[in-house]
Amino acid sequence: ARRSAAAALGLALGWAALGPVPAARAAEPPPWQVVQVADFGE
């Protein structure tokens, strides 16, 4: 889970689709997003 570039990219796309973020939510930290899933075995 990465909270820097991947989270910022996800939020930027969300803002473009949903419009401006309300002021009350603007100060909230961005949510964590899963950017990689790896399964190498047991």
PDB file of all heavy atoms in Angstrom:
ATOM      1  N   ALA A   1       0.861  -1.178   0.000  1.00  0.00           N
ATOM      2  CA  ALA A   1       0.000   0.000   0.000  1.00  0.00           C
ATOM      3  C   ALA A   1       0.893   1.222   0.000  1.00  0.00           C
ATOM      4  O   ALA A   1       1.804   1.335   0.805  1.00  0.00           O
ATOM      5  CB  ALA A   1      -0.902   0.004   1.228  1.00  0.00           C
ATOM      6  N   ARG A   2       0.689   2.143  -0.921  1.00  0.00           N
ATOM      7  CA  ARG A   2       1.528   3.318  -1.026  1.00  0.00           C
ATOM      8  C   ARG A   2       0.655   4.551  -0.987  1.00  0.00           C
ATOM      9  O   ARG A   2      -0.381   4.612  -1.625  1.00  0.00           O
ATOM     10  CB  ARG A   2       2.320   3.299  -2.341  1.00  0.00           C
ATOM     11  CG  ARG A   2       3.399   4.349  -2.397  1.00  0.00           C
ATOM     12  CD  ARG A   2       4.357   4.033  -3.533  1.00  0.00           C
ATOM     13  NE  ARG A   2       3.671   4.052  -4.802  1.00  0.00           N
ATOM     14  CZ  ARG A   2       3.594   5.123  -5.578  1.00  0.00           C
ATOM     15  NH1 ARG A   2       4.138   6.253  -5.198  1.00  0.00           N
ATOM     16  NH2 ARG A   2       2.962   5.082  -6.714  1.00  0.00           N
ATOM     17  N   ARG A   3       1.105   5.561  -0.232  1.00  0.00           N
ATOM     18  CA  ARG A   3       0.267   6.705   0.018  1.00  0.00           C
ATOM     19  C   ARG A   3       0.810   7.975  -0.638  1.00  0.00           C
ATOM     20  O   ARG A   3       0.414   9.067  -0.309  1.00  0.00           O
ATOM     21  CB  ARG A   3       0.165   6.908   1.528  1.00  0.00           C
ATOM     22  CG  ARG A   3      -0.881   7.899   1.951  1.00  0.00           C
ATOM     23  CD  ARG A   3      -0.922   7.938   3.443  1.00  0.00           C
ATOM     24  NE  ARG A   3      -1.578   9.121   3.929  1.00  0.00           N
ATOM     25  CZ  ARG A   3      -1.754   9.393   5.203  1.00  0.00           C
ATOM     26  NH1 ARG A   3      -1.303   8.577   6.111  1.00  0.00           N
ATOM     27  NH2 ARG A   3      -2.362  10.493   5.580  1.00  0.00           N
ATOM     28  N   SER A   4       1.754   7.841  -1.545  1.00  0.00           N
ATOM     29  CA  SER A   4       2.319   9.027  -2.168  1.00  0.00           C
ATOM     30  C   SER A   4       1.818   9.160  -3.594  1.00  0.00           C
ATOM     31  O   SER A   4       0.685   9.546  -3.829  1.00  0.00           O
ATOM     32  CB  SER A   4       3.845   8.963  -2.119  1.00  0.00           C
ATOM     33  OG  SER A   4       4.310   7.754  -2.683  1.00  0.00           O
ATOM     34  N   ALA A   5       2.637   8.798  -4.563  1.00  0.00           N
ATOM     35  CA  ALA A   5       2.276   9.046  -5.953  1.00  0.00           C
ATOM     36  C   ALA A   5       1.022   8.289  -6.387  1.00  0.00           C
ATOM     37  O   ALA A   5       0.174   8.833  -7.066  1.00  0.00           O
ATOM     38  CB  ALA A   5       3.437   8.669  -6.861  1.00  0.00           C
ATOM     39  N   ALA A   6       0.904   7.022  -5.981  1.00  0.00           N
ATOM     40  CA  ALA A   6      -0.246   6.246  -6.423  1.00  0.00           C
ATOM     41  C   ALA A   6      -1.536   6.816  -5.856  1.00  0.00           C
ATOM     42  O   ALA A   6      -2.535   6.936  -6.545  1.00  0.00           O
ATOM     43  CB  ALA A   6      -0.089   4.789  -5.998  1.00  0.00           C
ATOM     44  N   ALA A   7      -1.507   7.175  -4.572  1.00  0.00           N
ATOM     45  CA  ALA A   7      -2.708   7.750  -3.969  1.00  0.00           C
ATOM     46  C   ALA A   7      -3.046   9.089  -4.603  1.00  0.00           C
ATOM     47  O   ALA A   7      -4.192   9.397  -4.879  1.00  0.00           O
ATOM     48  CB  ALA A   7      -2.504   7.916  -2.460  1.00  0.00           C
ATOM     49  N   ALA A   8      -2.039   9.895  -4.873  1.00  0.00           N
ATOM     50  CA  ALA A   8      -2.277  11.203  -5.480  1.00  0.00           C
ATOM     51  C   ALA A   8      -2.857  11.051  -6.881  1.00  0.00           C
ATOM     52  O   ALA A   8      -3.759  11.774  -7.276  1.00  0.00           O
ATOM     53  CB  ALA A   8      -0.977  11.995  -5.535  1.00  0.00           C
ATOM     54  N   LEU A   9      -2.369  10.084  -7.629  1.00  0.00           N
ATOM     55  CA  LEU A   9      -2.880   9.848  -8.970  1.00  0.00           C
ATOM     56  C   LEU A   9      -4.336   9.409  -8.914  1.00  0.00           C
ATOM     57  O   LEU A   9      -5.174   9.907  -9.648  1.00  0.00           O
ATOM     58  CB  LEU A   9      -2.041   8.769  -9.667  1.00  0.00           C
ATOM     59  CG  LEU A   9      -2.504   8.350 -11.061  1.00  0.00           C
ATOM     60  CD1 LEU A   9      -2.496   9.544 -11.997  1.00  0.00           C
ATOM     61  CD2 LEU A   9      -1.610   7.251 -11.604  1.00  0.00           C
ATOM     62  N   GLY A  10      -4.634   8.502  -7.999  1.00  0.00           N
ATOM     63  CA  GLY A  10      -6.015   8.044  -7.874  1.00  0.00           C
ATOM     64  C   GLY A  10      -6.953   9.180  -7.508  1.00  0.00           C
ATOM     65  O   GLY A  10      -8.051   9.284  -8.040  1.00  0.00           O
ATOM     66  N   LEU A  11      -6.528  10.074  -6.637  1.00  0.00           N
ATOM     67  CA  LEU A  11      -7.367  11.193  -6.242  1.00  0.00           C
ATOM     68  C   LEU A  11      -7.535  12.187  -7.384  1.00  0.00           C
ATOM     69  O   LEU A  11      -8.590  12.757  -7.580  1.00  0.00           O
ATOM     70  CB  LEU A  11      -6.755  11.891  -5.020  1.00  0.00           C
ATOM     71  CG  LEU A  11      -6.854  11.109  -3.703  1.00  0.00           C
ATOM     72  CD1 LEU A  11      -6.064  11.821  -2.636  1.00  0.00           C
ATOM     73  CD2 LEU A  11      -8.313  10.977  -3.278  1.00  0.00           C
ATOM     74  N   ALA A  12      -6.469  12.392  -8.129  1.00  0.00           N
ATOM     75  CA  ALA A  12      -6.568  13.334  -9.249  1.00  0.00           C
ATOM     76  C   ALA A  12      -7.593  12.863 -10.263  1.00  0.00           C
ATOM     77  O   ALA A  12      -8.387  13.647 -10.768  1.00  0.00           O
ATOM     78  CB  ALA A  12      -5.198  13.494  -9.910  1.00  0.00           C
ATOM     79  N   LEU A  13      -7.608  11.587 -10.532  1.00  0.00           N
ATOM     80  CA  LEU A  13      -8.596  11.054 -11.465  1.00  0.00           C
ATOM     81  C   LEU A  13      -9.997  11.174 -10.885  1.00  0.00           C
ATOM     82  O   LEU A  13     -10.942  11.490 -11.576  1.00  0.00           O
ATOM     83  CB  LEU A  13      -8.272   9.586 -11.765  1.00  0.00           C
ATOM     84  CG  LEU A  13      -6.978   9.336 -12.545  1.00  0.00           C
ATOM     85  CD1 LEU A  13      -6.713   7.851 -12.653  1.00  0.00           C
ATOM     86  CD2 LEU A  13      -7.058   9.969 -13.925  1.00  0.00           C
ATOM     87  N   GLY A  14     -10.108  10.945  -9.571  1.00  0.00           N
ATOM     88  CA  GLY A  14     -11.408  11.051  -8.930  1.00  0.00           C
ATOM     89  C   GLY A  14     -11.951  12.464  -8.957  1.00  0.00           C
ATOM     90  O   GLY A  14     -13.125  12.694  -9.220  1.00  0.00           O
ATOM     91  N   TRP A  15     -11.088  13.439  -8.715  1.00  0.00           N
ATOM     92  CA  TRP A  15     -11.516  14.835  -8.747  1.00  0.00           C
ATOM     93  C   TRP A  15     -11.964  15.245 -10.147  1.00  0.00           C
ATOM     94  O   TRP A  15     -12.923  15.961 -10.329  1.00  0.00           O
ATOM     95  CB  TRP A  15     -10.375  15.734  -8.297  1.00  0.00           C
ATOM     96  CG  TRP A  15     -10.049  15.564  -6.852  1.00  0.00           C
ATOM     97  CD1 TRP A  15     -10.832  15.015  -5.884  1.00  0.00           C
ATOM     98  CD2 TRP A  15      -8.837  15.916  -6.203  1.00  0.00           C
ATOM     99  NE1 TRP A  15     -10.189  15.013  -4.677  1.00  0.00           N
ATOM    100  CE2 TRP A  15      -8.967  15.562  -4.840  1.00  0.00           C
ATOM    101  CE3 TRP A  15      -7.646  16.505  -6.636  1.00  0.00           C
ATOM    102  CZ2 TRP A  15      -7.946  15.783  -3.910  1.00  0.00           C
ATOM    103  CZ3 TRP A  15      -6.634  16.728  -5.707  1.00  0.00           C
ATOM    104  CH2 TRP A  15      -6.788  16.367  -4.373  1.00  0.00           C
ATOM    105  N   ALA A  16     -11.262  14.758 -11.146  1.00  0.00           N
ATOM    106  CA  ALA A  16     -11.620  15.124 -12.516  1.00  0.00           C
ATOM    107  C   ALA A  16     -13.000  14.598 -12.882  1.00  0.00           C
ATOM    108  O   ALA A  16     -13.741  15.219 -13.634  1.00  0.00           O
ATOM    109  CB  ALA A  16     -10.567  14.586 -13.488  1.00  0.00           C
ATOM    110  N   ALA A  17     -13.333  13.431 -12.319  1.00  0.00           N
ATOM    111  CA  ALA A  17     -14.608  12.817 -12.671  1.00  0.00           C
ATOM    112  C   ALA A  17     -15.760  13.324 -11.812  1.00  0.00           C
ATOM    113  O   ALA A  17     -16.883  13.429 -12.269  1.00  0.00           O
ATOM    114  CB  ALA A  17     -14.499  11.299 -12.532  1.00  0.00           C
ATOM    115  N   LEU A  18     -15.461  13.655 -10.555  1.00  0.00           N
ATOM    116  CA  LEU A  18     -16.521  13.994  -9.620  1.00  0.00           C
ATOM    117  C   LEU A  18     -16.636  15.480  -9.320  1.00  0.00           C
ATOM    118  O   LEU A  18     -17.561  15.912  -8.656  1.00  0.00           O
ATOM    119  CB  LEU A  18     -16.296  13.232  -8.300  1.00  0.00           C
ATOM    120  CG  LEU A  18     -16.266  11.704  -8.418  1.00  0.00           C
ATOM    121  CD1 LEU A  18     -15.963  11.096  -7.065  1.00  0.00           C
ATOM    122  CD2 LEU A  18     -17.594  11.179  -8.946  1.00  0.00           C
ATOM    123  N   GLY A  19     -15.698  16.277  -9.772  1.00  0.00           N
ATOM    124  CA  GLY A  19     -15.749  17.711  -9.509  1.00  0.00           C
ATOM    125  C   GLY A  19     -14.947  18.089  -8.287  1.00  0.00           C
ATOM    126  O   GLY A  19     -14.257  17.262  -7.697  1.00  0.00           O
ATOM    127  N   PRO A  20     -15.025  19.341  -7.858  1.00  0.00           N
ATOM    128  CA  PRO A  20     -14.227  19.817  -6.733  1.00  0.00           C
ATOM    129  C   PRO A  20     -14.560  19.068  -5.454  1.00  0.00           C
ATOM    130  O   PRO A  20     -15.689  18.644  -5.220  1.00  0.00           O
ATOM    131  CB  PRO A  20     -14.624  21.296  -6.626  1.00  0.00           C
ATOM    132  CG  PRO A  20     -15.189  21.634  -7.964  1.00  0.00           C
ATOM    133  CD  PRO A  20     -15.852  20.397  -8.461  1.00  0.00           C
ATOM    134  N   VAL A  21     -13.536  18.923  -4.603  1.00  0.00           N
ATOM    135  CA  VAL A  21     -13.713  18.272  -3.317  1.00  0.00           C
ATOM    136  C   VAL A  21     -14.213  19.296  -2.315  1.00  0.00           C
ATOM    137  O   VAL A  21     -13.690  20.403  -2.235  1.00  0.00           O
ATOM    138  CB  VAL A  21     -12.373  17.670  -2.823  1.00  0.00           C
ATOM    139  CG1 VAL A  21     -12.550  17.067  -1.435  1.00  0.00           C
ATOM    140  CG2 VAL A  21     -11.881  16.609  -3.799  1.00  0.00           C
ATOM    141  N   PRO A  22     -15.261  18.998  -1.532  1.00  0.00           N
ATOM    142  CA  PRO A  22     -15.755  19.932  -0.519  1.00  0.00           C
ATOM    143  C   PRO A  22     -14.652  20.350   0.429  1.00  0.00           C
ATOM    144  O   PRO A  22     -13.744  19.570   0.725  1.00  0.00           O
ATOM    145  CB  PRO A  22     -16.833  19.115   0.211  1.00  0.00           C
ATOM    146  CG  PRO A  22     -17.259  18.091  -0.785  1.00  0.00           C
ATOM    147  CD  PRO A  22     -16.034  17.759  -1.588  1.00  0.00           C
ATOM    148  N   ALA A  23     -14.734  21.606   0.916  1.00  0.00           N
ATOM    149  CA  ALA A  23     -13.680  22.141   1.779  1.00  0.00           C
ATOM    150  C   ALA A  23     -13.484  21.287   3.020  1.00  0.00           C
ATOM    151  O   ALA A  23     -12.371  21.131   3.506  1.00  0.00           O
ATOM    152  CB  ALA A  23     -14.032  23.574   2.170  1.00  0.00           C
ATOM    153  N   ALA A  24     -14.564  20.727   3.548  1.00  0.00           N
ATOM    154  CA  ALA A  24     -14.467  19.926   4.765  1.00  0.00           C
ATOM    155  C   ALA A  24     -13.634  18.670   4.549  1.00  0.00           C
ATOM    156  O   ALA A  24     -13.028  18.140   5.467  1.00  0.00           O
ATOM    157  CB  ALA A  24     -15.859  19.548   5.253  1.00  0.00           C
ATOM    158  N   ARG A  25     -13.602  18.191   3.318  1.00  0.00           N
ATOM    159  CA  ARG A  25     -12.851  16.979   3.019  1.00  0.00           C
ATOM    160  C   ARG A  25     -11.473  17.265   2.472  1.00  0.00           C
ATOM    161  O   ARG A  25     -10.645  16.368   2.376  1.00  0.00           O
ATOM    162  CB  ARG A  25     -13.621  16.122   2.011  1.00  0.00           C
ATOM    163  CG  ARG A  25     -14.953  15.588   2.523  1.00  0.00           C
ATOM    164  CD  ARG A  25     -15.606  14.713   1.459  1.00  0.00           C
ATOM    165  NE  ARG A  25     -14.705  13.645   1.038  1.00  0.00           N
ATOM    166  CZ  ARG A  25     -14.905  12.890  -0.030  1.00  0.00           C
ATOM    167  NH1 ARG A  25     -15.958  13.101  -0.801  1.00  0.00           N
ATOM    168  NH2 ARG A  25     -14.056  11.925  -0.350  1.00  0.00           N
ATOM    169  N   ALA A  26     -11.212  18.504   2.097  1.00  0.00           N
ATOM    170  CA  ALA A  26      -9.940  18.833   1.456  1.00  0.00           C
ATOM    171  C   ALA A  26      -8.758  18.569   2.376  1.00  0.00           C
ATOM    172  O   ALA A  26      -7.670  18.221   1.925  1.00  0.00           O
ATOM    173  CB  ALA A  26      -9.945  20.287   1.012  1.00  0.00           C
ATOM    174  N   ALA A  27      -8.954  18.742   3.691  1.00  0.00           N
ATOM    175  CA  ALA A  27      -7.850  18.566   4.627  1.00  0.00           C
ATOM    176  C   ALA A  27      -7.636  17.116   5.026  1.00  0.00           C
ATOM    177  O   ALA A  27      -6.669  16.801   5.705  1.00  0.00           O
ATOM    178  CB  ALA A  27      -8.104  19.418   5.875  1.00  0.00           C
ATOM    179  N   GLU A  28      -8.538  16.236   4.656  1.00  0.00           N
ATOM    180  CA  GLU A  28      -8.393  14.836   5.019  1.00  0.00           C
ATOM    181  C   GLU A  28      -7.235  14.203   4.243  1.00  0.00           C
ATOM    182  O   GLU A  28      -7.021  14.506   3.076  1.00  0.00           O
ATOM    183  CB  GLU A  28      -9.683  14.079   4.704  1.00  0.00           C
ATOM    184  CG  GLU A  28     -10.877  14.520   5.529  1.00  0.00           C
ATOM    185  CD  GLU A  28     -12.130  13.738   5.166  1.00  0.00           C
ATOM    186  OE1 GLU A  28     -12.020  12.826   4.304  1.00  0.00           O
ATOM    187  OE2 GLU A  28     -13.190  14.039   5.723  1.00  0.00           O
ATOM    188  N   PRO A  29      -6.482  13.332   4.906  1.00  0.00           N
ATOM    189  CA  PRO A  29      -5.385  12.667   4.193  1.00  0.00           C
ATOM    190  C   PRO A  29      -5.933  11.736   3.127  1.00  0.00           C
ATOM    191  O   PRO A  29      -7.036  11.196   3.264  1.00  0.00           O
ATOM    192  CB  PRO A  29      -4.688  11.872   5.313  1.00  0.00           C
ATOM    193  CG  PRO A  29      -5.746  11.647   6.337  1.00  0.00           C
ATOM    194  CD  PRO A  29      -6.595  12.898   6.294  1.00  0.00           C
ATOM    195  N   PRO A  30      -5.209  11.557   2.034  1.00  0.00           N
ATOM    196  CA  PRO A  30      -5.680  10.657   0.972  1.00  0.00           C
ATOM    197  C   PRO A  30      -5.735   9.224   1.483  1.00  0.00           C
ATOM    198  O   PRO A  30      -4.944   8.824   2.340  1.00  0.00           O
ATOM    199  CB  PRO A  30      -4.622  10.822  -0.126  1.00  0.00           C
ATOM    200  CG  PRO A  30      -3.400  11.276   0.598  1.00  0.00           C
ATOM    201  CD  PRO A  30      -3.890  12.131   1.717  1.00  0.00           C
ATOM    202  N   PRO A  31      -6.654   8.429   0.974  1.00  0.00           N
ATOM    203  CA  PRO A  31      -6.763   7.036   1.429  1.00  0.00           C
ATOM    204  C   PRO A  31      -5.627   6.179   0.878  1.00  0.00           C
ATOM    205  O   PRO A  31      -5.029   6.495  -0.149  1.00  0.00           O
ATOM    206  CB  PRO A  31      -8.107   6.597   0.844  1.00  0.00           C
ATOM    207  CG  PRO A  31      -8.257   7.431  -0.395  1.00  0.00           C
ATOM    208  CD  PRO A  31      -7.667   8.771  -0.036  1.00  0.00           C
ATOM    209  N   TRP A  32      -5.327   5.131   1.605  1.00  0.00           N
ATOM    210  CA  TRP A  32      -4.356   4.171   1.106  1.00  0.00           C
ATOM    211  C   TRP A  32      -4.956   3.397  -0.059  1.00  0.00           C
ATOM    212  O   TRP A  32      -6.145   3.100  -0.064  1.00  0.00           O
ATOM    213  CB  TRP A  32      -3.976   3.187   2.214  1.00  0.00           C
ATOM    214  CG  TRP A  32      -3.104   3.788   3.275  1.00  0.00           C
ATOM    215  CD1 TRP A  32      -3.511   4.341   4.445  1.00  0.00           C
ATOM    216  CD2 TRP A  32      -1.683   3.893   3.253  1.00  0.00           C
ATOM    217  NE1 TRP A  32      -2.432   4.786   5.167  1.00  0.00           N
ATOM    218  CE2 TRP A  32      -1.294   4.521   4.459  1.00  0.00           C
ATOM    219  CE3 TRP A  32      -0.694   3.519   2.346  1.00  0.00           C
ATOM    220  CZ2 TRP A  32       0.040   4.783   4.777  1.00  0.00           C
ATOM    221  CZ3 TRP A  32       0.636   3.781   2.655  1.00  0.00           C
ATOM    222  CH2 TRP A  32       0.996   4.400   3.857  1.00  0.00           C
ATOM    223  N   GLN A  33      -4.100   3.096  -1.030  1.00  0.00           N
ATOM    224  CA  GLN A  33      -4.531   2.310  -2.178  1.00  0.00           C
ATOM    225  C   GLN A  33      -3.557   1.161  -2.401  1.00  0.00           C
ATOM    226  O   GLN A  33      -2.352   1.315  -2.227  1.00  0.00           O
ATOM    227  CB  GLN A  33      -4.586   3.175  -3.448  1.00  0.00           C
ATOM    228  CG  GLN A  33      -5.655   4.256  -3.411  1.00  0.00           C
ATOM    229  CD  GLN A  33      -5.751   4.981  -4.749  1.00  0.00           C
ATOM    230  OE1 GLN A  33      -5.039   4.661  -5.677  1.00  0.00           O
ATOM    231  NE2 GLN A  33      -6.638   5.951  -4.816  1.00  0.00           N
ATOM    232  N   VAL A  34      -4.074   0.025  -2.764  1.00  0.00           N
ATOM    233  CA  VAL A  34      -3.231  -1.121  -3.105  1.00  0.00           C
ATOM    234  C   VAL A  34      -2.674  -0.897  -4.502  1.00  0.00           C
ATOM    235  O   VAL A  34      -3.425  -0.745  -5.463  1.00  0.00           O
ATOM    236  CB  VAL A  34      -4.026  -2.434  -3.050  1.00  0.00           C
ATOM    237  CG1 VAL A  34      -3.151  -3.605  -3.505  1.00  0.00           C
ATOM    238  CG2 VAL A  34      -4.534  -2.678  -1.629  1.00  0.00           C
ATOM    239  N   VAL A  35      -1.353  -0.855  -4.615  1.00  0.00           N
ATOM    240  CA  VAL A  35      -0.740  -0.601  -5.919  1.00  0.00           C
ATOM    241  C   VAL A  35      -0.020  -1.835  -6.477  1.00  0.00           C
ATOM    242  O   VAL A  35       0.426  -1.826  -7.615  1.00  0.00           O
ATOM    243  CB  VAL A  35       0.260   0.580  -5.842  1.00  0.00           C
ATOM    244  CG1 VAL A  35      -0.470   1.861  -5.497  1.00  0.00           C
ATOM    245  CG2 VAL A  35       1.354   0.308  -4.813  1.00  0.00           C
ATOM    246  N   GLN A  36       0.098  -2.869  -5.658  1.00  0.00           N
ATOM    247  CA  GLN A  36       0.746  -4.081  -6.142  1.00  0.00           C
ATOM    248  C   GLN A  36       0.288  -5.269  -5.318  1.00  0.00           C
ATOM    249  O   GLN A  36       0.189  -5.191  -4.095  1.00  0.00           O
ATOM    250  CB  GLN A  36       2.276  -3.961  -6.050  1.00  0.00           C
ATOM    251  CG  GLN A  36       3.061  -5.243  -6.294  1.00  0.00           C
ATOM    252  CD  GLN A  36       3.124  -5.644  -7.755  1.00  0.00           C
ATOM    253  OE1 GLN A  36       2.212  -5.355  -8.515  1.00  0.00           O
ATOM    254  NE2 GLN A  36       4.191  -6.301  -8.151  1.00  0.00           N
ATOM    255  N   VAL A  37      -0.024  -6.357  -5.991  1.00  0.00           N
ATOM    256  CA  VAL A  37      -0.345  -7.618  -5.337  1.00  0.00           C
ATOM    257  C   VAL A  37       0.604  -8.668  -5.898  1.00  0.00           C
ATOM    258  O   VAL A  37       0.727  -8.809  -7.108  1.00  0.00           O
ATOM    259  CB  VAL A  37      -1.810  -8.041  -5.576  1.00  0.00           C
ATOM    260  CG1 VAL A  37      -2.069  -9.410  -4.962  1.00  0.00           C
ATOM    261  CG2 VAL A  37      -2.770  -7.005  -5.001  1.00  0.00           C
ATOM    262  N   ALA A  38       1.301  -9.367  -5.007  1.00  0.00           N
ATOM    263  CA  ALA A  38       2.276 -10.364  -5.451  1.00  0.00           C
ATOM    264  C   ALA A  38       2.003 -11.689  -4.762  1.00  0.00           C
ATOM    265  O   ALA A  38       1.725 -11.719  -3.562  1.00  0.00           O
ATOM    266  CB  ALA A  38       3.690  -9.896  -5.145  1.00  0.00           C
ATOM    267  N   ASP A  39       2.069 -12.769  -5.507  1.00  0.00           N
ATOM    268  CA  ASP A  39       1.879 -14.102  -4.952  1.00  0.00           C
ATOM    269  C   ASP A  39       2.960 -14.998  -5.524  1.00  0.00           C
ATOM    270  O   ASP A  39       2.931 -15.364  -6.700  1.00  0.00           O
ATOM    271  CB  ASP A  39       0.487 -14.633  -5.305  1.00  0.00           C
ATOM    272  CG  ASP A  39       0.160 -15.914  -4.555  1.00  0.00           C
ATOM    273  OD1 ASP A  39       1.084 -16.497  -3.961  1.00  0.00           O
ATOM    274  OD2 ASP A  39      -1.006 -16.335  -4.566  1.00  0.00           O
ATOM    275  N   PHE A  40       3.937 -15.332  -4.678  1.00  0.00           N
ATOM    276  CA  PHE A  40       5.060 -16.127  -5.140  1.00  0.00           C
ATOM    277  C   PHE A  40       4.999 -17.572  -4.663  1.00  0.00           C
ATOM    278  O   PHE A  40       5.900 -18.345  -4.928  1.00  0.00           O
ATOM    279  CB  PHE A  40       6.381 -15.499  -4.673  1.00  0.00           C
ATOM    280  CG  PHE A  40       6.629 -14.143  -5.273  1.00  0.00           C
ATOM    281  CD1 PHE A  40       6.261 -12.994  -4.590  1.00  0.00           C
ATOM    282  CD2 PHE A  40       7.222 -14.013  -6.514  1.00  0.00           C
ATOM    283  CE1 PHE A  40       6.479 -11.741  -5.132  1.00  0.00           C
ATOM    284  CE2 PHE A  40       7.446 -12.770  -7.067  1.00  0.00           C
ATOM    285  CZ  PHE A  40       7.068 -11.626  -6.382  1.00  0.00           C
ATOM    286  N   GLY A  41       3.972 -17.897  -3.930  1.00  0.00           N
ATOM    287  CA  GLY A  41       3.864 -19.270  -3.483  1.00  0.00           C
ATOM    288  C   GLY A  41       3.463 -19.369  -2.023  1.00  0.00           C
ATOM    289  O   GLY A  41       3.101 -18.391  -1.372  1.00  0.00           O
ATOM    290  N   GLU A  42       3.570 -20.570  -1.520  1.00  0.00           N
ATOM    291  CA  GLU A  42       3.069 -20.895  -0.185  1.00  0.00           C
ATOM    292  C   GLU A  42       3.795 -20.146   0.922  1.00  0.00           C
ATOM    293  O   GLU A  42       3.215 -19.818   1.957  1.00  0.00           O
ATOM    294  CB  GLU A  42       3.205 -22.399   0.039  1.00  0.00           C
ATOM    295  CG  GLU A  42       2.698 -22.884   1.381  1.00  0.00           C
ATOM    296  CD  GLU A  42       2.831 -24.383   1.537  1.00  0.00           C
ATOM    297  OE1 GLU A  42       3.288 -25.039   0.570  1.00  0.00           O
ATOM    298  OE2 GLU A  42       2.490 -24.896   2.616  1.00  0.00           O
TER     299      GLU A  42
END
